[in-house]
Amino acid sequence: MLHMGLTLQFIMGMWLILSTILDLGFIPMIFGVAVYVGSIAMISSNTMSVILDNYPHIACGHSFIFS
């Protein structure tokens, strides 16, 4: 999921650049922004779980604080 989220953000970043350069209008740009921002949750949750694999003794406290 992390790889898919990062790939999706890269594609939408390129879409935003292209829609700006080609002056496609407001609606295609809003589509790119919505998908880009929507994939942030997918990336952040997977990144936290990967980081906490190395620290299992604090994983419970971390999930309590940030939930």
PDB file of N, CA and C in Angstrom:
ATOM      1  N   MET A   1       0.814  -1.194   0.000  1.00  0.00           N
ATOM      2  CA  MET A   1       0.000   0.000   0.000  1.00  0.00           C
ATOM      3  C   MET A   1       0.863   1.266   0.000  1.00  0.00           C
ATOM      4  N   LEU A   2       1.978   1.201   0.691  1.00  0.00           N
ATOM      5  CA  LEU A   2       2.852   2.370   0.731  1.00  0.00           C
ATOM      6  C   LEU A   2       3.392   2.675  -0.663  1.00  0.00           C
ATOM      7  N   HIS A   3       3.805   1.639  -1.365  1.00  0.00           N
ATOM      8  CA  HIS A   3       4.323   1.825  -2.721  1.00  0.00           C
ATOM      9  C   HIS A   3       3.230   2.379  -3.638  1.00  0.00           C
ATOM     10  N   MET A   4       2.016   1.860  -3.489  1.00  0.00           N
ATOM     11  CA  MET A   4       0.906   2.342  -4.314  1.00  0.00           C
ATOM     12  C   MET A   4       0.588   3.807  -4.001  1.00  0.00           C
ATOM     13  N   GLY A   5       0.617   4.170  -2.730  1.00  0.00           N
ATOM     14  CA  GLY A   5       0.340   5.549  -2.351  1.00  0.00           C
ATOM     15  C   GLY A   5       1.380   6.524  -2.861  1.00  0.00           C
ATOM     16  N   LEU A   6       2.653   6.129  -2.771  1.00  0.00           N
ATOM     17  CA  LEU A   6       3.717   7.000  -3.274  1.00  0.00           C
ATOM     18  C   LEU A   6       3.657   7.120  -4.794  1.00  0.00           C
ATOM     19  N   THR A   7       3.340   6.019  -5.459  1.00  0.00           N
ATOM     20  CA  THR A   7       3.203   6.064  -6.914  1.00  0.00           C
ATOM     21  C   THR A   7       2.036   6.953  -7.319  1.00  0.00           C
ATOM     22  N   LEU A   8       0.935   6.830  -6.604  1.00  0.00           N
ATOM     23  CA  LEU A   8      -0.242   7.649  -6.894  1.00  0.00           C
ATOM     24  C   LEU A   8       0.064   9.130  -6.694  1.00  0.00           C
ATOM     25  N   GLN A   9       0.791   9.466  -5.638  1.00  0.00           N
ATOM     26  CA  GLN A   9       1.146  10.862  -5.421  1.00  0.00           C
ATOM     27  C   GLN A   9       2.092  11.376  -6.495  1.00  0.00           C
ATOM     28  N   PHE A  10       3.009  10.547  -6.934  1.00  0.00           N
ATOM     29  CA  PHE A  10       3.916  10.958  -8.007  1.00  0.00           C
ATOM     30  C   PHE A  10       3.143  11.216  -9.300  1.00  0.00           C
ATOM     31  N   ILE A  11       2.228  10.316  -9.633  1.00  0.00           N
ATOM     32  CA  ILE A  11       1.430  10.480 -10.853  1.00  0.00           C
ATOM     33  C   ILE A  11       0.575  11.737 -10.772  1.00  0.00           C
ATOM     34  N   MET A  12      -0.043  11.974  -9.633  1.00  0.00           N
ATOM     35  CA  MET A  12      -0.887  13.169  -9.490  1.00  0.00           C
ATOM     36  C   MET A  12      -0.040  14.434  -9.474  1.00  0.00           C
ATOM     37  N   GLY A  13       1.173  14.364  -8.955  1.00  0.00           N
ATOM     38  CA  GLY A  13       2.072  15.519  -9.018  1.00  0.00           C
ATOM     39  C   GLY A  13       2.420  15.865 -10.446  1.00  0.00           C
ATOM     40  N   MET A  14       2.698  14.825 -11.242  1.00  0.00           N
ATOM     41  CA  MET A  14       2.964  15.050 -12.665  1.00  0.00           C
ATOM     42  C   MET A  14       1.711  15.579 -13.377  1.00  0.00           C
ATOM     43  N   TRP A  15       0.543  15.063 -12.979  1.00  0.00           N
ATOM     44  CA  TRP A  15      -0.714  15.544 -13.568  1.00  0.00           C
ATOM     45  C   TRP A  15      -0.917  17.030 -13.266  1.00  0.00           C
ATOM     46  N   LEU A  16      -0.621  17.436 -12.041  1.00  0.00           N
ATOM     47  CA  LEU A  16      -0.775  18.846 -11.677  1.00  0.00           C
ATOM     48  C   LEU A  16       0.182  19.732 -12.473  1.00  0.00           C
ATOM     49  N   ILE A  17       1.396  19.269 -12.662  1.00  0.00           N
ATOM     50  CA  ILE A  17       2.353  20.040 -13.457  1.00  0.00           C
ATOM     51  C   ILE A  17       1.881  20.149 -14.900  1.00  0.00           C
ATOM     52  N   LEU A  18       1.459  19.033 -15.477  1.00  0.00           N
ATOM     53  CA  LEU A  18       0.994  19.045 -16.866  1.00  0.00           C
ATOM     54  C   LEU A  18      -0.268  19.874 -17.049  1.00  0.00           C
ATOM     55  N   SER A  19      -1.198  19.764 -16.098  1.00  0.00           N
ATOM     56  CA  SER A  19      -2.431  20.549 -16.242  1.00  0.00           C
ATOM     57  C   SER A  19      -2.164  22.039 -16.105  1.00  0.00           C
ATOM     58  N   THR A  20      -1.126  22.402 -15.372  1.00  0.00           N
ATOM     59  CA  THR A  20      -0.756  23.814 -15.268  1.00  0.00           C
ATOM     60  C   THR A  20      -0.055  24.289 -16.541  1.00  0.00           C
ATOM     61  N   ILE A  21       0.873  23.481 -17.026  1.00  0.00           N
ATOM     62  CA  ILE A  21       1.616  23.876 -18.231  1.00  0.00           C
ATOM     63  C   ILE A  21       0.696  23.952 -19.444  1.00  0.00           C
ATOM     64  N   LEU A  22      -0.189  22.956 -19.592  1.00  0.00           N
ATOM     65  CA  LEU A  22      -1.084  22.910 -20.750  1.00  0.00           C
ATOM     66  C   LEU A  22      -2.340  23.757 -20.579  1.00  0.00           C
ATOM     67  N   ASP A  23      -2.506  24.376 -19.416  1.00  0.00           N
ATOM     68  CA  ASP A  23      -3.650  25.229 -19.106  1.00  0.00           C
ATOM     69  C   ASP A  23      -4.970  24.507 -19.400  1.00  0.00           C
ATOM     70  N   LEU A  24      -5.147  23.340 -18.740  1.00  0.00           N
ATOM     71  CA  LEU A  24      -6.346  22.519 -18.957  1.00  0.00           C
ATOM     72  C   LEU A  24      -7.583  23.051 -18.242  1.00  0.00           C
ATOM     73  N   GLY A  25      -7.388  23.926 -17.303  1.00  0.00           N
ATOM     74  CA  GLY A  25      -8.532  24.508 -16.616  1.00  0.00           C
ATOM     75  C   GLY A  25      -8.570  24.140 -15.140  1.00  0.00           C
ATOM     76  N   PHE A  26      -9.637  24.571 -14.509  1.00  0.00           N
ATOM     77  CA  PHE A  26      -9.769  24.446 -13.057  1.00  0.00           C
ATOM     78  C   PHE A  26     -10.193  23.034 -12.630  1.00  0.00           C
ATOM     79  N   ILE A  27     -11.125  22.423 -13.330  1.00  0.00           N
ATOM     80  CA  ILE A  27     -11.665  21.121 -12.928  1.00  0.00           C
ATOM     81  C   ILE A  27     -10.600  20.022 -12.967  1.00  0.00           C
ATOM     82  N   PRO A  28      -9.793  19.892 -14.018  1.00  0.00           N
ATOM     83  CA  PRO A  28      -8.732  18.871 -13.980  1.00  0.00           C
ATOM     84  C   PRO A  28      -7.713  19.104 -12.861  1.00  0.00           C
ATOM     85  N   MET A  29      -7.458  20.364 -12.528  1.00  0.00           N
ATOM     86  CA  MET A  29      -6.530  20.653 -11.453  1.00  0.00           C
ATOM     87  C   MET A  29      -7.120  20.257 -10.100  1.00  0.00           C
ATOM     88  N   ILE A  30      -8.407  20.506  -9.912  1.00  0.00           N
ATOM     89  CA  ILE A  30      -9.064  20.114  -8.663  1.00  0.00           C
ATOM     90  C   ILE A  30      -9.059  18.602  -8.509  1.00  0.00           C
ATOM     91  N   PHE A  31      -9.261  17.873  -9.615  1.00  0.00           N
ATOM     92  CA  PHE A  31      -9.182  16.406  -9.574  1.00  0.00           C
ATOM     93  C   PHE A  31      -7.801  15.961  -9.092  1.00  0.00           C
ATOM     94  N   GLY A  32      -6.749  16.558  -9.619  1.00  0.00           N
ATOM     95  CA  GLY A  32      -5.398  16.207  -9.211  1.00  0.00           C
ATOM     96  C   GLY A  32      -5.116  16.521  -7.751  1.00  0.00           C
ATOM     97  N   VAL A  33      -5.593  17.667  -7.300  1.00  0.00           N
ATOM     98  CA  VAL A  33      -5.384  18.054  -5.895  1.00  0.00           C
ATOM     99  C   VAL A  33      -6.138  17.114  -4.963  1.00  0.00           C
ATOM    100  N   ALA A  34      -7.369  16.756  -5.324  1.00  0.00           N
ATOM    101  CA  ALA A  34      -8.181  15.880  -4.472  1.00  0.00           C
ATOM    102  C   ALA A  34      -7.542  14.499  -4.328  1.00  0.00           C
ATOM    103  N   VAL A  35      -7.067  13.943  -5.413  1.00  0.00           N
ATOM    104  CA  VAL A  35      -6.427  12.618  -5.342  1.00  0.00           C
ATOM    105  C   VAL A  35      -5.096  12.708  -4.613  1.00  0.00           C
ATOM    106  N   TYR A  36      -4.350  13.768  -4.834  1.00  0.00           N
ATOM    107  CA  TYR A  36      -3.061  13.954  -4.161  1.00  0.00           C
ATOM    108  C   TYR A  36      -3.246  14.051  -2.652  1.00  0.00           C
ATOM    109  N   VAL A  37      -4.179  14.869  -2.216  1.00  0.00           N
ATOM    110  CA  VAL A  37      -4.419  15.041  -0.777  1.00  0.00           C
ATOM    111  C   VAL A  37      -5.056  13.786  -0.189  1.00  0.00           C
ATOM    112  N   GLY A  38      -5.903  13.125  -0.944  1.00  0.00           N
ATOM    113  CA  GLY A  38      -6.547  11.910  -0.448  1.00  0.00           C
ATOM    114  C   GLY A  38      -5.583  10.768  -0.213  1.00  0.00           C
ATOM    115  N   SER A  39      -4.475  10.748  -0.912  1.00  0.00           N
ATOM    116  CA  SER A  39      -3.515   9.656  -0.729  1.00  0.00           C
ATOM    117  C   SER A  39      -2.555   9.900   0.430  1.00  0.00           C
ATOM    118  N   ILE A  40      -2.616  11.049   1.057  1.00  0.00           N
ATOM    119  CA  ILE A  40      -1.739  11.332   2.199  1.00  0.00           C
ATOM    120  C   ILE A  40      -2.035  10.398   3.361  1.00  0.00           C
ATOM    121  N   ALA A  41      -3.305  10.111   3.616  1.00  0.00           N
ATOM    122  CA  ALA A  41      -3.656   9.215   4.721  1.00  0.00           C
ATOM    123  C   ALA A  41      -3.141   7.800   4.469  1.00  0.00           C
ATOM    124  N   MET A  42      -3.182   7.360   3.227  1.00  0.00           N
ATOM    125  CA  MET A  42      -2.686   6.033   2.894  1.00  0.00           C
ATOM    126  C   MET A  42      -1.180   5.941   3.131  1.00  0.00           C
ATOM    127  N   ILE A  43      -0.465   6.993   2.827  1.00  0.00           N
ATOM    128  CA  ILE A  43       0.991   6.984   2.998  1.00  0.00           C
ATOM    129  C   ILE A  43       1.360   7.113   4.475  1.00  0.00           C
ATOM    130  N   SER A  44       0.726   8.025   5.202  1.00  0.00           N
ATOM    131  CA  SER A  44       1.128   8.266   6.592  1.00  0.00           C
ATOM    132  C   SER A  44       0.841   7.073   7.495  1.00  0.00           C
ATOM    133  N   SER A  45      -0.285   6.412   7.324  1.00  0.00           N
ATOM    134  CA  SER A  45      -0.587   5.265   8.185  1.00  0.00           C
ATOM    135  C   SER A  45       0.360   4.108   7.922  1.00  0.00           C
ATOM    136  N   ASN A  46       0.682   3.851   6.672  1.00  0.00           N
ATOM    137  CA  ASN A  46       1.624   2.769   6.365  1.00  0.00           C
ATOM    138  C   ASN A  46       3.034   3.108   6.803  1.00  0.00           C
ATOM    139  N   THR A  47       3.422   4.364   6.704  1.00  0.00           N
ATOM    140  CA  THR A  47       4.754   4.767   7.134  1.00  0.00           C
ATOM    141  C   THR A  47       4.908   4.619   8.637  1.00  0.00           C
ATOM    142  N   MET A  48       3.888   5.005   9.400  1.00  0.00           N
ATOM    143  CA  MET A  48       3.964   4.846  10.857  1.00  0.00           C
ATOM    144  C   MET A  48       4.058   3.384  11.256  1.00  0.00           C
ATOM    145  N   SER A  49       3.324   2.520  10.574  1.00  0.00           N
ATOM    146  CA  SER A  49       3.392   1.099  10.929  1.00  0.00           C
ATOM    147  C   SER A  49       4.748   0.507  10.590  1.00  0.00           C
ATOM    148  N   VAL A  50       5.360   0.945   9.494  1.00  0.00           N
ATOM    149  CA  VAL A  50       6.697   0.454   9.144  1.00  0.00           C
ATOM    150  C   VAL A  50       7.723   0.937  10.165  1.00  0.00           C
ATOM    151  N   ILE A  51       7.615   2.169  10.596  1.00  0.00           N
ATOM    152  CA  ILE A  51       8.545   2.703  11.597  1.00  0.00           C
ATOM    153  C   ILE A  51       8.381   1.978  12.917  1.00  0.00           C
ATOM    154  N   LEU A  52       7.138   1.708  13.322  1.00  0.00           N
ATOM    155  CA  LEU A  52       6.901   1.084  14.621  1.00  0.00           C
ATOM    156  C   LEU A  52       7.223  -0.401  14.638  1.00  0.00           C
ATOM    157  N   ASP A  53       7.498  -1.019  13.492  1.00  0.00           N
ATOM    158  CA  ASP A  53       7.964  -2.406  13.487  1.00  0.00           C
ATOM    159  C   ASP A  53       9.274  -2.549  14.239  1.00  0.00           C
ATOM    160  N   ASN A  54      10.091  -1.509  14.203  1.00  0.00           N
ATOM    161  CA  ASN A  54      11.383  -1.545  14.894  1.00  0.00           C
ATOM    162  C   ASN A  54      11.254  -1.268  16.390  1.00  0.00           C
ATOM    163  N   TYR A  55      10.138  -0.720  16.837  1.00  0.00           N
ATOM    164  CA  TYR A  55       9.949  -0.357  18.240  1.00  0.00           C
ATOM    165  C   TYR A  55       8.628  -0.926  18.755  1.00  0.00           C
ATOM    166  N   PRO A  56       8.522  -2.229  18.953  1.00  0.00           N
ATOM    167  CA  PRO A  56       7.246  -2.809  19.373  1.00  0.00           C
ATOM    168  C   PRO A  56       6.849  -2.436  20.805  1.00  0.00           C
ATOM    169  N   HIS A  57       7.808  -2.054  21.631  1.00  0.00           N
ATOM    170  CA  HIS A  57       7.493  -1.723  23.016  1.00  0.00           C
ATOM    171  C   HIS A  57       6.772  -0.371  23.146  1.00  0.00           C
ATOM    172  N   ILE A  58       6.846   0.491  22.136  1.00  0.00           N
ATOM    173  CA  ILE A  58       6.137   1.762  22.217  1.00  0.00           C
ATOM    174  C   ILE A  58       4.985   1.855  21.222  1.00  0.00           C
ATOM    175  N   ALA A  59       4.722   0.787  20.494  1.00  0.00           N
ATOM    176  CA  ALA A  59       3.677   0.833  19.462  1.00  0.00           C
ATOM    177  C   ALA A  59       2.300   1.064  20.066  1.00  0.00           C
ATOM    178  N   CYS A  60       2.027   0.477  21.205  1.00  0.00           N
ATOM    179  CA  CYS A  60       0.707   0.666  21.833  1.00  0.00           C
ATOM    180  C   CYS A  60       0.517   2.107  22.279  1.00  0.00           C
ATOM    181  N   GLY A  61       1.525   2.686  22.894  1.00  0.00           N
ATOM    182  CA  GLY A  61       1.417   4.076  23.338  1.00  0.00           C
ATOM    183  C   GLY A  61       1.279   5.045  22.187  1.00  0.00           C
ATOM    184  N   HIS A  62       1.969   4.762  21.116  1.00  0.00           N
ATOM    185  CA  HIS A  62       1.885   5.629  19.931  1.00  0.00           C
ATOM    186  C   HIS A  62       0.494   5.583  19.317  1.00  0.00           C
ATOM    187  N   SER A  63      -0.070   4.394  19.209  1.00  0.00           N
ATOM    188  CA  SER A  63      -1.413   4.303  18.606  1.00  0.00           C
ATOM    189  C   SER A  63      -2.455   4.919  19.516  1.00  0.00           C
ATOM    190  N   PHE A  64      -2.236   4.914  20.830  1.00  0.00           N
ATOM    191  CA  PHE A  64      -3.161   5.563  21.758  1.00  0.00           C
ATOM    192  C   PHE A  64      -3.096   7.092  21.628  1.00  0.00           C
ATOM    193  N   ILE A  65      -1.895   7.627  21.484  1.00  0.00           N
ATOM    194  CA  ILE A  65      -1.713   9.075  21.425  1.00  0.00           C
ATOM    195  C   ILE A  65      -2.241   9.645  20.113  1.00  0.00           C
ATOM    196  N   PHE A  66      -1.969   8.987  18.980  1.00  0.00           N
ATOM    197  CA  PHE A  66      -2.297   9.541  17.687  1.00  0.00           C
ATOM    198  C   PHE A  66      -3.619   9.067  17.117  1.00  0.00           C
ATOM    199  N   SER A  67      -4.426   8.373  17.892  1.00  0.00           N
ATOM    200  CA  SER A  67      -5.724   7.944  17.362  1.00  0.00           C
ATOM    201  C   SER A  67      -6.850   8.811  17.858  1.00  0.00           C
TER     202      SER A  67
END
